[in-house]
Protein backbone atom coordinates (compact mmCIF):
# COMPACT_ATOMS: atom_id res chain seq x y z
CA UNK A 1 138.34 302.52 -40.43
CA UNK A 2 136.94 302.55 -36.91
CA UNK A 3 140.54 302.56 -35.65
CA UNK A 4 141.41 305.67 -37.72
CA UNK A 5 138.14 307.49 -38.23
CA UNK A 6 139.07 311.18 -38.14
CA UNK A 7 138.36 313.13 -41.37
CA UNK A 8 141.97 313.59 -42.56
CA UNK A 9 142.58 309.82 -42.38
CA UNK A 10 140.05 308.66 -45.01
CA UNK A 11 139.19 309.64 -48.57
CA UNK A 12 135.87 311.27 -49.36
CA UNK A 13 133.59 313.65 -47.53
CA UNK A 14 131.70 310.75 -45.97
CA UNK A 15 133.13 307.48 -44.73
CA UNK A 16 132.62 304.47 -47.01
CA UNK A 17 129.01 303.28 -46.82
CA UNK A 18 130.13 299.76 -45.85
CA UNK A 19 131.90 301.23 -42.82
CA UNK A 20 128.84 303.30 -41.99
CA UNK A 21 126.04 300.74 -42.26
CA UNK A 22 127.60 297.27 -42.06
CA UNK A 23 130.51 298.23 -39.76
CA UNK A 24 129.06 301.31 -38.02
CA UNK A 25 131.98 303.69 -37.66
CA UNK A 26 132.38 305.43 -35.28
CA UNK A 27 131.57 302.57 -32.92
CA UNK A 28 132.70 303.07 -29.32
CA UNK A 29 132.18 300.60 -26.46
CA UNK A 30 133.02 300.26 -22.79
CA UNK A 31 135.22 297.33 -21.89
CA UNK A 32 138.73 296.00 -21.52
CA UNK A 33 141.21 294.81 -24.10
CA UNK A 34 144.59 293.24 -24.64
CA UNK A 35 146.90 294.18 -27.51
CA UNK A 36 150.34 292.99 -28.49
CA UNK A 37 152.41 291.29 -31.13
CA UNK A 38 153.40 287.68 -31.68
CA UNK A 39 156.25 288.79 -33.96
CA UNK A 40 157.18 291.96 -35.86
CA UNK A 41 154.86 290.75 -38.61
CA UNK A 42 151.83 289.68 -36.51
CA UNK A 43 149.83 291.91 -34.16
CA UNK A 44 146.64 291.13 -32.26
CA UNK A 45 143.84 292.68 -30.21
CA UNK A 46 141.35 290.91 -27.92
CA UNK A 47 138.43 292.67 -26.21
CA UNK A 48 135.46 292.13 -23.89
CA UNK A 49 133.06 295.04 -24.24
CA UNK A 50 129.45 296.15 -24.21
CA UNK A 51 127.41 294.85 -27.12
CA UNK A 52 124.46 296.27 -29.07
CA UNK A 53 120.76 296.98 -28.57
CA UNK A 54 119.01 294.72 -31.08
CA UNK A 55 115.71 296.56 -30.73
CA UNK A 56 117.26 299.49 -32.63
CA UNK A 57 118.27 297.51 -35.73
CA UNK A 58 116.61 298.52 -38.99
CA UNK A 59 115.98 297.21 -42.49
CA UNK A 60 118.15 299.74 -44.34
CA UNK A 61 120.69 300.85 -41.71
CA UNK A 62 121.36 297.36 -40.38
CA UNK A 63 122.95 297.25 -36.95
CA UNK A 64 123.99 300.93 -36.85
CA UNK A 65 121.13 302.07 -34.61
CA UNK A 66 122.04 299.44 -32.01
CA UNK A 67 125.10 301.32 -30.79
CA UNK A 68 124.90 302.44 -27.16
CA UNK A 69 126.22 305.97 -26.87
CA UNK A 70 125.93 307.05 -23.26
CA UNK A 71 125.89 304.48 -20.43
CA UNK A 72 125.88 301.10 -22.18
CA UNK A 73 124.42 298.01 -20.59
CA UNK A 74 126.66 294.98 -20.10
CA UNK A 75 123.72 292.62 -19.71
CA UNK A 76 124.96 290.54 -22.67
CA UNK A 77 128.59 291.54 -23.35
CA UNK A 78 130.53 291.08 -26.58
CA UNK A 79 133.80 289.37 -27.41
CA UNK A 80 135.89 290.59 -30.31
CA UNK A 81 139.38 290.47 -31.70
CA UNK A 82 141.54 291.02 -34.72
CA UNK A 83 144.86 289.91 -36.18
CA UNK A 84 146.97 292.05 -38.51
CA UNK A 85 149.67 290.51 -40.66
CA UNK A 86 152.50 292.60 -42.16
CA UNK A 87 154.33 290.41 -44.68
CA UNK A 88 157.00 293.06 -45.21
CA UNK A 89 158.59 292.92 -41.75
CA UNK A 90 156.02 294.79 -39.73
CA UNK A 91 154.58 296.88 -42.51
CA UNK A 92 157.80 298.61 -43.57
CA UNK A 93 158.54 297.75 -47.17
CA UNK A 94 161.90 296.20 -47.89
CA UNK A 95 162.76 299.20 -50.05
CA UNK A 96 160.95 301.77 -47.91
CA UNK A 97 158.59 302.53 -50.80
CA UNK A 98 155.86 299.91 -50.31
CA UNK A 99 153.83 298.38 -47.51
CA UNK A 100 151.19 295.68 -47.13
CA UNK A 101 148.82 294.88 -44.29
CA UNK A 102 146.28 292.05 -44.15
CA UNK A 103 143.73 291.84 -41.36
CA UNK A 104 140.93 289.62 -40.11
CA UNK A 105 138.53 290.34 -37.26
CA UNK A 106 135.53 288.89 -35.51
CA UNK A 107 132.78 289.92 -33.11
CA UNK A 108 130.16 288.05 -31.10
CA UNK A 109 127.65 289.58 -28.70
CA UNK A 110 124.15 289.32 -27.32
CA UNK A 111 121.53 291.92 -28.26
CA UNK A 112 119.56 292.39 -25.03
CA UNK A 113 121.36 295.57 -24.01
CA UNK A 114 119.98 299.08 -23.58
CA UNK A 115 121.42 302.47 -22.79
CA UNK A 116 121.46 303.35 -19.08
CA UNK A 117 120.63 299.73 -18.30
CA UNK A 118 117.19 299.85 -19.92
CA UNK A 119 117.49 296.45 -21.58
CA UNK A 120 114.83 295.94 -24.29
CA UNK A 121 114.10 292.29 -23.44
CA UNK A 122 114.83 290.91 -26.91
CA UNK A 123 116.50 287.62 -27.74
CA UNK A 124 119.23 287.42 -30.34
CA UNK A 125 122.94 287.35 -31.04
CA UNK A 126 125.19 289.07 -33.54
CA UNK A 127 128.17 287.52 -35.33
CA UNK A 128 130.52 289.59 -37.48
CA UNK A 129 133.42 288.32 -39.58
CA UNK A 130 135.54 290.78 -41.53
CA UNK A 131 138.67 290.88 -43.66
CA UNK A 132 140.54 293.96 -44.80
CA UNK A 133 143.75 294.86 -46.61
CA UNK A 134 145.86 297.91 -47.35
CA UNK A 135 148.69 298.20 -49.86
CA UNK A 136 150.84 301.19 -50.74
CA UNK A 137 153.38 301.42 -53.53
CA UNK A 138 154.95 304.80 -54.13
CA UNK A 139 152.10 307.25 -54.76
CA UNK A 140 149.45 304.52 -55.05
CA UNK A 141 147.23 303.39 -52.15
CA UNK A 142 144.85 300.42 -52.39
CA UNK A 143 142.44 299.21 -49.73
CA UNK A 144 139.55 296.83 -49.44
CA UNK A 145 137.11 295.58 -46.80
CA UNK A 146 134.62 292.72 -46.77
CA UNK A 147 132.23 291.94 -43.92
CA UNK A 148 129.49 289.40 -43.13
CA UNK A 149 127.01 289.63 -40.26
CA UNK A 150 124.76 286.92 -38.92
CA UNK A 151 121.83 287.82 -36.66
CA UNK A 152 120.11 285.06 -34.73
CA UNK A 153 116.59 285.87 -33.59
CA UNK A 154 115.97 288.03 -36.68
CA UNK A 155 112.30 287.03 -36.78
CA UNK A 156 111.72 288.15 -33.19
CA UNK A 157 113.66 291.37 -33.79
CA UNK A 158 111.57 292.07 -36.88
CA UNK A 159 108.43 291.71 -34.83
CA UNK A 160 109.80 293.95 -32.08
CA UNK A 161 111.01 296.71 -34.40
CA UNK A 162 108.27 296.54 -37.02
CA UNK A 163 110.93 296.31 -39.74
CA UNK A 164 112.30 293.41 -41.76
CA UNK A 165 115.54 292.61 -39.95
CA UNK A 166 117.68 290.32 -42.07
CA UNK A 167 119.43 287.33 -40.53
CA UNK A 168 122.40 288.04 -42.83
CA UNK A 169 124.00 291.35 -43.84
CA UNK A 170 126.93 291.67 -46.23
CA UNK A 171 129.09 294.46 -47.54
CA UNK A 172 132.39 295.10 -49.27
CA UNK A 173 134.30 297.90 -50.93
CA UNK A 174 137.50 298.51 -52.84
CA UNK A 175 139.32 301.82 -53.17
CA UNK A 176 142.27 303.16 -55.14
CA UNK A 177 143.94 306.50 -54.42
CA UNK A 178 146.79 308.40 -56.06
CA UNK A 179 148.92 311.03 -54.32
CA UNK A 180 149.19 313.49 -57.19
CA UNK A 181 151.03 316.41 -55.62
CA UNK A 182 154.24 317.16 -57.55
CA UNK A 183 157.33 316.92 -55.38
CA UNK A 184 158.19 320.53 -56.16
CA UNK A 185 154.91 321.73 -54.57
CA UNK A 186 155.40 320.05 -51.21
CA UNK A 187 157.72 320.63 -48.34
CA UNK A 188 157.57 322.80 -45.27
CA UNK A 189 156.36 326.32 -46.03
CA UNK A 190 155.94 325.56 -49.74
CA UNK A 191 152.22 325.08 -50.13
CA UNK A 192 150.18 321.88 -49.87
CA UNK A 193 151.09 318.98 -47.64
CA UNK A 194 149.36 316.44 -49.94
CA UNK A 195 146.75 316.05 -52.68
CA UNK A 196 144.86 312.81 -53.42
CA UNK A 197 142.46 311.67 -56.14
CA UNK A 198 140.54 308.46 -55.50
CA UNK A 199 137.80 306.10 -56.68
CA UNK A 200 135.77 303.73 -54.48
CA UNK A 201 133.06 301.15 -55.07
CA UNK A 202 130.76 300.02 -52.21
CA UNK A 203 128.33 297.10 -52.30
CA UNK A 204 125.85 296.53 -49.43
CA UNK A 205 122.92 294.20 -48.79
CA UNK A 206 121.14 294.70 -45.46
CA UNK A 207 118.19 292.58 -46.66
CA UNK A 208 120.04 289.48 -47.78
CA UNK A 209 117.97 286.92 -45.84
CA UNK A 210 114.71 288.29 -44.44
CA UNK A 211 112.74 285.92 -42.13
CA UNK A 212 109.68 284.14 -43.44
CA UNK A 213 106.55 286.23 -43.07
CA UNK A 214 108.33 289.57 -43.51
CA UNK A 215 108.73 291.58 -46.70
CA UNK A 216 112.18 292.23 -48.10
CA UNK A 217 112.94 295.90 -48.82
CA UNK A 218 114.75 295.99 -52.19
CA UNK A 219 116.35 299.33 -51.28
CA UNK A 220 118.57 297.42 -48.87
CA UNK A 221 120.53 295.93 -51.77
CA UNK A 222 122.56 298.85 -53.08
CA UNK A 223 125.84 299.91 -54.61
CA UNK A 224 127.75 303.16 -54.79
CA UNK A 225 130.55 304.72 -56.84
CA UNK A 226 132.50 307.59 -55.28
CA UNK A 227 135.02 309.67 -57.26
CA UNK A 228 136.79 312.48 -55.49
CA UNK A 229 139.76 314.59 -54.52
CA UNK A 230 141.28 315.67 -51.23
CA UNK A 231 143.61 318.62 -50.65
CA UNK A 232 145.67 318.77 -47.47
CA UNK A 233 147.08 322.24 -46.67
CA UNK A 234 148.27 320.64 -43.41
CA UNK A 235 148.63 317.01 -42.40
CA UNK A 236 145.59 317.31 -40.09
CA UNK A 237 143.42 319.53 -42.33
CA UNK A 238 141.51 318.23 -45.38
CA UNK A 239 139.46 320.01 -48.05
CA UNK A 240 137.35 317.42 -49.85
CA UNK A 241 135.03 317.08 -52.82
CA UNK A 242 133.48 313.97 -54.36
CA UNK A 243 130.76 312.86 -56.73
CA UNK A 244 128.65 309.80 -55.90
CA UNK A 245 126.46 307.57 -58.06
CA UNK A 246 124.10 305.42 -55.99
CA UNK A 247 121.86 302.61 -57.13
CA UNK A 248 119.59 300.06 -55.44
CA UNK A 249 117.05 297.42 -56.44
CA UNK A 250 114.13 299.72 -55.62
CA UNK A 251 115.24 302.59 -57.87
CA UNK A 252 114.35 302.89 -61.53
CA UNK A 253 117.63 304.68 -62.22
CA UNK A 254 120.75 305.64 -60.23
CA UNK A 255 120.83 308.80 -58.13
CA UNK A 256 123.84 311.10 -57.90
CA UNK A 257 125.06 313.77 -55.56
CA UNK A 258 127.98 316.15 -55.09
CA UNK A 259 129.60 316.41 -51.65
CA UNK A 260 131.88 319.17 -50.34
CA UNK A 261 133.56 319.05 -46.96
CA UNK A 262 136.21 320.38 -44.60
CA UNK A 263 137.68 318.03 -42.01
CA UNK A 264 140.32 318.35 -39.35
CA UNK A 265 141.66 316.62 -36.28
CA UNK A 266 143.51 317.90 -33.22
């Protein structure tokens, strides 16, 4: 989702929790990259960029706080890349009505980096491996993401931050969406551009493997159901509503909330 993170491009008022905590969208970095295709069905990206500030990691929000947002240090840069595979001749379905994309990606970077060059002096490295898939058939859209993160030096980072930083973080989600707008309601000058109903399940554990001597926070192991609808008066304008049911190991019973939102892109 980091590649297409504007509000009209995803379902729900908020981005999926996995792509907020485990894969911290929006995640921008300074660096250089190379992109291309090996064939119409295989595309790749390779990048050398700034990495993260490990001193800003946390027990519940994982690596999200480590993003450098202004003038990132390149003291310990990162290397990342991804490969996308389109089995149906570059993502265009053989009958024009379906498409499938499969992707894998990886990231490795040091954690002694600080904004404006103020490196925190911590030792540690971050590994990320992720797989994702998207499939569309007629009005139906399916997508899923799974990610694993390994943090070396988690014990030292826990001591530096005062929080229990896990050496392993995992997350995954699956989502199904249905474009429910009748054909007679669409079209230029005839009302809505699109209408979508969707359901999503997120599962996250930012406390999977806490170092010895530190206390695991059970609230880091949580799950979330999101059920919602999106109305699109224009292709770049979304009116959204969803209902979420959230649960974690620290709660006696699930919590719920209703979200309303308006999103647009230029």
